[in-house]
Amino acid sequence: VDEAALTRARCRWRYAEPPGAYKRAGFHMGHYKLLAWQHTEYELIQLLDADLLPVAPMDPLFGLAASLGAEAVGCPGKVSPLNAGWFLIRPSLERFDALVALLDRRVAPGRAPDRERPWGRAIQNWVNAFNQTKGPGWAFFDGLGNQGHMYSFFRFEIRDLAMILNTKRDGTGVLRYGVDGTRFEAPPPVATATIDAAFPCPFPAKGRGAPALAYHHFTGTAKPWSRLRPKIAAWGMWYRAVSKHGEDLDALRLLFPDVEEAELAAAARGTWKAWRRGAHGRGAASAG
């Protein structure tokens, strides 16, 4: 199913083992993301989680590396200093080797877990998506996994990380972790325009004046491909995208073999609610 869908979408892929000497995939296979640093044929790479659906053009986000002047650009989470669903990086074999070496030190067999310094550094504080200071310690979501790993590496080892935030109090801002410490600042106008047109982080401020999202992230265990539920607006967007707005139902047929063709077509074309009303009407007429 996956290969067929990728082929139809003209995507390239490769099979790979988890990076490092001990082949640890990590929570939700997060450590596989390190392999992206090997792809030096690209100047920049946007790392996207597989359960993410772009809803706006994301190519302009590549420009944030230059306009923010950072080697890595990311987003804080609600309960973590980094939400790695989207991460902008500059590929480098040197960085890949250093990231893998740090991971191998953390997961080496027989090594007692060090929860105060899992990545070799103690942490006194960190900032979440609401620009709230948290900490101390690494006891945040995935702090001992991929998100904690990449955050620690670029904050403490490379000291070149820009984190994008948007709050009602502060508007759009950038939290910089650099050689001169940590500071919060307004991004330059060119970066602000890019960010506000396609906000690359999952937790902006809500309400009037909120930036337009670049993607929808299907967080949690329920996914649109695990059960057909077009009445959920974001799930309906996914069905329309994967079927090219009803032109190609093959992926939906493979995912939901027990669902009748008419319902799949309605989900793919965004007419599921009307189809559902009609189906209920036909059922009532037949029963009568």
Protein backbone atom coordinates (compact mmCIF):
# COMPACT_ATOMS: atom_id res chain seq x y z
CA VAL A 1 0.00 0.00 0.00
CA ASP A 2 2.71 2.47 1.01
CA GLU A 3 4.93 1.85 -2.03
CA ALA A 4 2.03 2.08 -4.43
CA ALA A 5 0.87 5.38 -2.92
CA LEU A 6 4.40 6.82 -3.02
CA THR A 7 4.85 5.77 -6.64
CA ARG A 8 1.60 7.43 -7.69
CA ALA A 9 2.63 10.59 -5.84
CA ARG A 10 6.02 10.56 -7.64
CA CYS A 11 7.89 10.39 -4.34
CA ARG A 12 11.34 8.89 -3.89
CA TRP A 13 12.14 6.71 -0.92
CA ARG A 14 14.77 4.38 0.39
CA TYR A 15 14.80 1.55 2.92
CA ALA A 16 17.16 2.19 5.81
CA GLU A 17 18.15 0.88 9.20
CA PRO A 18 18.05 3.07 12.30
CA PRO A 19 21.19 5.21 12.62
CA GLY A 20 23.99 4.48 15.04
CA ALA A 21 25.86 1.48 16.33
CA TYR A 22 22.94 0.18 18.38
CA LYS A 23 20.15 0.63 15.80
CA ARG A 24 17.68 2.35 18.09
CA ALA A 25 14.64 3.60 16.20
CA GLY A 26 13.34 5.73 19.06
CA PHE A 27 9.79 6.73 20.01
CA HIS A 28 7.65 6.57 16.85
CA MET A 29 10.91 5.88 14.95
CA GLY A 30 12.05 9.44 15.62
CA HIS A 31 15.78 8.69 15.38
CA TYR A 32 15.36 7.86 11.68
CA LYS A 33 15.19 11.63 11.15
CA LEU A 34 18.94 11.79 11.66
CA LEU A 35 19.41 10.12 8.27
CA ALA A 36 18.28 13.36 6.60
CA TRP A 37 21.63 14.96 7.50
CA GLN A 38 23.26 12.47 5.09
CA HIS A 39 21.46 13.94 2.09
CA THR A 40 24.03 16.59 1.25
CA GLU A 41 22.79 16.74 -2.34
CA TYR A 42 20.28 19.23 -0.89
CA GLU A 43 21.22 22.61 0.56
CA LEU A 44 18.29 22.57 2.99
CA ILE A 45 15.70 20.01 4.09
CA GLN A 46 12.37 20.40 5.80
CA LEU A 47 11.78 17.39 8.04
CA LEU A 48 8.06 16.56 8.19
CA ASP A 49 6.35 13.91 10.29
CA ALA A 50 4.48 11.30 8.27
CA ASP A 51 1.19 12.26 9.96
CA LEU A 52 1.33 15.82 8.69
CA LEU A 53 -0.71 17.29 5.82
CA PRO A 54 0.54 20.51 4.14
CA VAL A 55 -2.32 22.96 3.59
CA ALA A 56 -0.28 25.89 2.22
CA PRO A 57 2.80 26.24 -0.01
CA MET A 58 5.79 25.38 2.17
CA ASP A 59 8.67 26.10 -0.21
CA PRO A 60 9.02 29.70 1.07
CA LEU A 61 9.87 28.27 4.51
CA PHE A 62 13.28 27.25 3.16
CA GLY A 63 14.10 30.96 3.17
CA LEU A 64 13.90 31.09 6.97
CA ALA A 65 17.38 29.60 7.28
CA ALA A 66 18.78 32.76 5.69
CA SER A 67 16.31 35.35 6.99
CA LEU A 68 16.65 34.09 10.57
CA GLY A 69 20.36 33.37 10.18
CA ALA A 70 20.21 29.98 11.91
CA GLU A 71 21.55 26.54 11.08
CA ALA A 72 18.40 24.86 12.43
CA VAL A 73 14.88 26.28 12.73
CA GLY A 74 12.15 24.58 14.72
CA CYS A 75 9.08 24.92 16.90
CA PRO A 76 8.49 24.45 20.61
CA GLY A 77 5.71 22.16 21.77
CA LYS A 78 3.05 22.56 24.42
CA VAL A 79 4.88 20.30 26.86
CA SER A 80 8.37 20.21 25.34
CA PRO A 81 10.96 22.71 24.11
CA LEU A 82 10.89 21.14 20.63
CA ASN A 83 8.06 19.70 18.57
CA ALA A 84 9.93 17.88 15.81
CA GLY A 85 6.94 17.52 13.47
CA TRP A 86 8.56 20.24 11.36
CA PHE A 87 12.27 21.04 11.48
CA LEU A 88 14.39 22.97 8.98
CA ILE A 89 17.97 21.72 8.71
CA ARG A 90 21.13 22.10 6.66
CA PRO A 91 22.46 18.61 5.72
CA SER A 92 26.03 17.87 6.74
CA LEU A 93 27.95 14.63 7.18
CA GLU A 94 29.88 16.26 10.01
CA ARG A 95 26.63 17.04 11.83
CA PHE A 96 25.30 13.55 11.10
CA ASP A 97 28.36 11.90 12.64
CA ALA A 98 28.16 14.16 15.71
CA LEU A 99 24.43 13.53 16.19
CA VAL A 100 24.92 9.76 15.92
CA ALA A 101 27.86 9.83 18.33
CA LEU A 102 25.74 11.67 20.91
CA LEU A 103 22.90 9.17 20.42
CA ASP A 104 25.23 6.18 20.79
CA ARG A 105 26.59 7.54 24.06
CA ARG A 106 23.03 7.85 25.37
CA VAL A 107 21.80 4.35 24.39
CA ALA A 108 24.97 2.27 24.83
CA PRO A 109 24.10 -1.16 26.33
CA GLY A 110 24.93 -1.47 30.00
CA ARG A 111 25.02 2.27 30.56
CA ALA A 112 22.86 3.37 33.50
CA PRO A 113 20.29 6.01 32.45
CA ASP A 114 21.28 9.50 33.54
CA ARG A 115 18.01 11.40 33.76
CA GLU A 116 19.66 14.62 34.88
CA ARG A 117 22.14 14.69 31.99
CA PRO A 118 20.81 12.25 29.37
CA TRP A 119 22.58 14.11 26.55
CA GLY A 120 25.59 15.14 28.62
CA ARG A 121 24.11 18.44 29.79
CA ALA A 122 21.93 19.49 32.70
CA ILE A 123 19.09 21.81 31.72
CA GLN A 124 17.90 24.60 34.00
CA ASN A 125 15.02 25.90 31.91
CA TRP A 126 13.30 25.70 28.56
CA VAL A 127 10.50 27.57 26.80
CA ASN A 128 7.26 26.09 25.45
CA ALA A 129 5.02 27.18 22.56
CA PHE A 130 3.25 29.73 24.77
CA ASN A 131 6.55 31.48 25.63
CA GLN A 132 6.36 30.11 29.16
CA THR A 133 9.57 29.18 30.93
CA LYS A 134 9.60 25.62 32.26
CA GLY A 135 12.08 23.29 33.92
CA PRO A 136 14.49 22.45 35.32
CA GLY A 137 15.28 18.99 34.01
CA TRP A 138 14.61 16.75 31.02
CA ALA A 139 11.28 15.36 32.25
CA PHE A 140 9.32 16.74 29.29
CA PHE A 141 7.70 14.84 26.44
CA ASP A 142 10.32 12.80 24.54
CA GLY A 143 13.11 14.49 26.48
CA LEU A 144 15.04 11.22 26.51
CA GLY A 145 14.20 10.54 22.85
CA ASN A 146 14.56 12.19 19.46
CA GLN A 147 13.13 15.58 20.41
CA GLY A 148 15.35 15.93 23.46
CA HIS A 149 18.32 14.71 21.42
CA MET A 150 18.01 17.25 18.59
CA TYR A 151 17.11 20.07 20.97
CA SER A 152 20.14 19.39 23.18
CA PHE A 153 22.48 19.08 20.20
CA PHE A 154 21.56 22.38 18.55
CA ARG A 155 21.06 24.33 21.77
CA PHE A 156 24.12 23.20 23.72
CA GLU A 157 26.60 21.70 21.24
CA ILE A 158 26.14 23.77 18.09
CA ARG A 159 24.48 26.73 19.83
CA ASP A 160 22.68 27.82 16.68
CA LEU A 161 18.93 27.17 16.94
CA ALA A 162 15.97 29.45 16.17
CA MET A 163 12.54 28.55 17.56
CA ILE A 164 9.38 30.17 16.16
CA LEU A 165 6.55 31.18 18.49
CA ASN A 166 3.25 33.02 18.20
CA THR A 167 1.35 34.14 21.28
CA LYS A 168 -1.47 36.61 21.90
CA ARG A 169 0.76 38.60 24.23
CA ASP A 170 3.92 38.74 22.12
CA GLY A 171 2.76 38.03 18.56
CA THR A 172 5.20 36.26 16.25
CA GLY A 173 8.66 35.97 17.71
CA VAL A 174 11.85 33.97 17.59
CA LEU A 175 13.61 32.38 20.52
CA ARG A 176 17.31 32.15 19.75
CA TYR A 177 19.74 29.77 21.35
CA GLY A 178 23.20 30.98 20.42
CA VAL A 179 26.77 31.37 21.59
CA ASP A 180 25.76 34.47 23.58
CA GLY A 181 22.93 32.74 25.43
CA THR A 182 19.15 32.74 24.93
CA ARG A 183 17.06 35.70 23.80
CA PHE A 184 13.55 36.37 22.47
CA GLU A 185 13.22 38.84 19.61
CA ALA A 186 10.99 39.94 16.77
CA PRO A 187 11.97 38.36 13.45
CA PRO A 188 13.05 40.60 10.56
CA PRO A 189 10.19 41.71 8.25
CA VAL A 190 11.02 39.23 5.47
CA ALA A 191 10.89 36.33 7.94
CA THR A 192 7.67 37.65 9.52
CA ALA A 193 5.97 37.74 6.11
CA THR A 194 7.02 34.15 5.41
CA ILE A 195 5.94 32.89 8.83
CA ASP A 196 2.57 34.66 8.82
CA ALA A 197 1.74 33.33 5.34
CA ALA A 198 2.39 29.70 6.33
CA PHE A 199 3.00 29.31 10.05
CA PRO A 200 5.22 26.21 10.37
CA CYS A 201 4.43 25.35 13.99
CA PRO A 202 1.41 23.47 15.36
CA PHE A 203 0.47 25.77 18.26
CA PRO A 204 -0.03 29.42 17.27
CA ALA A 205 -2.30 31.76 19.19
CA LYS A 206 -5.94 31.33 18.23
CA GLY A 207 -8.54 33.92 17.32
CA ARG A 208 -8.49 37.10 15.27
CA GLY A 209 -5.12 37.83 13.71
CA ALA A 210 -3.83 34.26 14.03
CA PRO A 211 -1.36 33.28 11.30
CA ALA A 212 -2.40 30.83 8.57
CA LEU A 213 -1.16 27.31 9.27
CA ALA A 214 1.29 25.65 6.88
CA TYR A 215 0.03 22.16 7.72
CA HIS A 216 -2.30 20.11 9.86
CA HIS A 217 -0.60 17.68 12.22
CA PHE A 218 -2.63 14.58 13.09
CA THR A 219 -1.24 14.13 16.58
CA GLY A 220 -2.41 11.35 18.89
CA THR A 221 -3.25 7.74 18.12
CA ALA A 222 -6.32 8.35 15.93
CA LYS A 223 -5.38 8.95 12.29
CA PRO A 224 -7.49 9.57 9.17
CA TRP A 225 -6.08 6.42 7.56
CA SER A 226 -7.02 4.19 10.50
CA ARG A 227 -10.76 4.86 10.24
CA LEU A 228 -12.92 6.66 7.67
CA ARG A 229 -14.38 9.70 9.44
CA PRO A 230 -14.95 12.47 6.86
CA LYS A 231 -17.15 14.45 9.26
CA ILE A 232 -13.93 15.62 10.97
CA ALA A 233 -12.90 18.58 8.85
CA ALA A 234 -9.14 17.98 8.90
CA TRP A 235 -9.61 14.27 8.15
CA GLY A 236 -11.80 15.20 5.19
CA MET A 237 -8.96 17.37 3.88
CA TRP A 238 -6.65 14.34 4.06
CA TYR A 239 -9.08 12.13 2.08
CA ARG A 240 -9.42 14.80 -0.59
CA ALA A 241 -5.65 15.23 -0.82
CA VAL A 242 -4.77 11.53 -1.00
CA SER A 243 -7.41 10.93 -3.69
CA LYS A 244 -6.66 14.10 -5.69
CA HIS A 245 -10.17 15.32 -4.91
CA GLY A 246 -11.80 12.10 -6.06
CA GLU A 247 -9.82 11.54 -9.26
CA ASP A 248 -7.96 8.51 -7.84
CA LEU A 249 -9.66 6.37 -5.19
CA ASP A 250 -7.09 3.55 -5.19
CA ALA A 251 -5.42 4.59 -1.94
CA LEU A 252 -8.75 4.86 -0.15
CA ARG A 253 -9.84 1.48 -1.53
CA LEU A 254 -6.68 -0.11 -0.16
CA LEU A 255 -7.09 1.54 3.23
CA PHE A 256 -10.82 0.87 3.60
CA PRO A 257 -11.70 -2.28 1.65
CA ASP A 258 -15.00 -2.77 3.50
CA VAL A 259 -16.37 0.70 2.74
CA GLU A 260 -18.66 0.97 -0.26
CA GLU A 261 -17.46 2.84 -3.33
CA ALA A 262 -20.08 5.58 -3.11
CA GLU A 263 -19.03 6.55 0.41
CA LEU A 264 -15.34 6.60 -0.54
CA ALA A 265 -16.12 8.84 -3.51
CA ALA A 266 -18.14 11.20 -1.32
CA ALA A 267 -15.33 11.42 1.23
CA ALA A 268 -12.82 12.10 -1.55
CA ARG A 269 -14.89 14.86 -3.14
CA GLY A 270 -15.90 16.62 0.06
CA THR A 271 -19.58 15.70 -0.35
CA TRP A 272 -19.77 13.11 2.42
CA LYS A 273 -22.34 14.98 4.54
CA ALA A 274 -24.73 15.30 1.59
CA TRP A 275 -24.14 11.65 0.68
CA ARG A 276 -24.86 10.64 4.28
CA ARG A 277 -28.15 12.55 4.34
CA GLY A 278 -29.15 10.96 1.07
CA ALA A 279 -28.18 7.48 2.24
CA HIS A 280 -30.23 7.86 5.40
CA GLY A 281 -33.13 9.17 3.35
CA ARG A 282 -33.01 6.17 1.02
CA GLY A 283 -32.81 3.83 4.01
CA ALA A 284 -35.85 5.42 5.64
CA ALA A 285 -37.82 5.25 2.38
CA SER A 286 -36.94 1.58 1.96
CA ALA A 287 -37.91 0.85 5.55
CA GLY A 288 -41.24 2.60 5.01
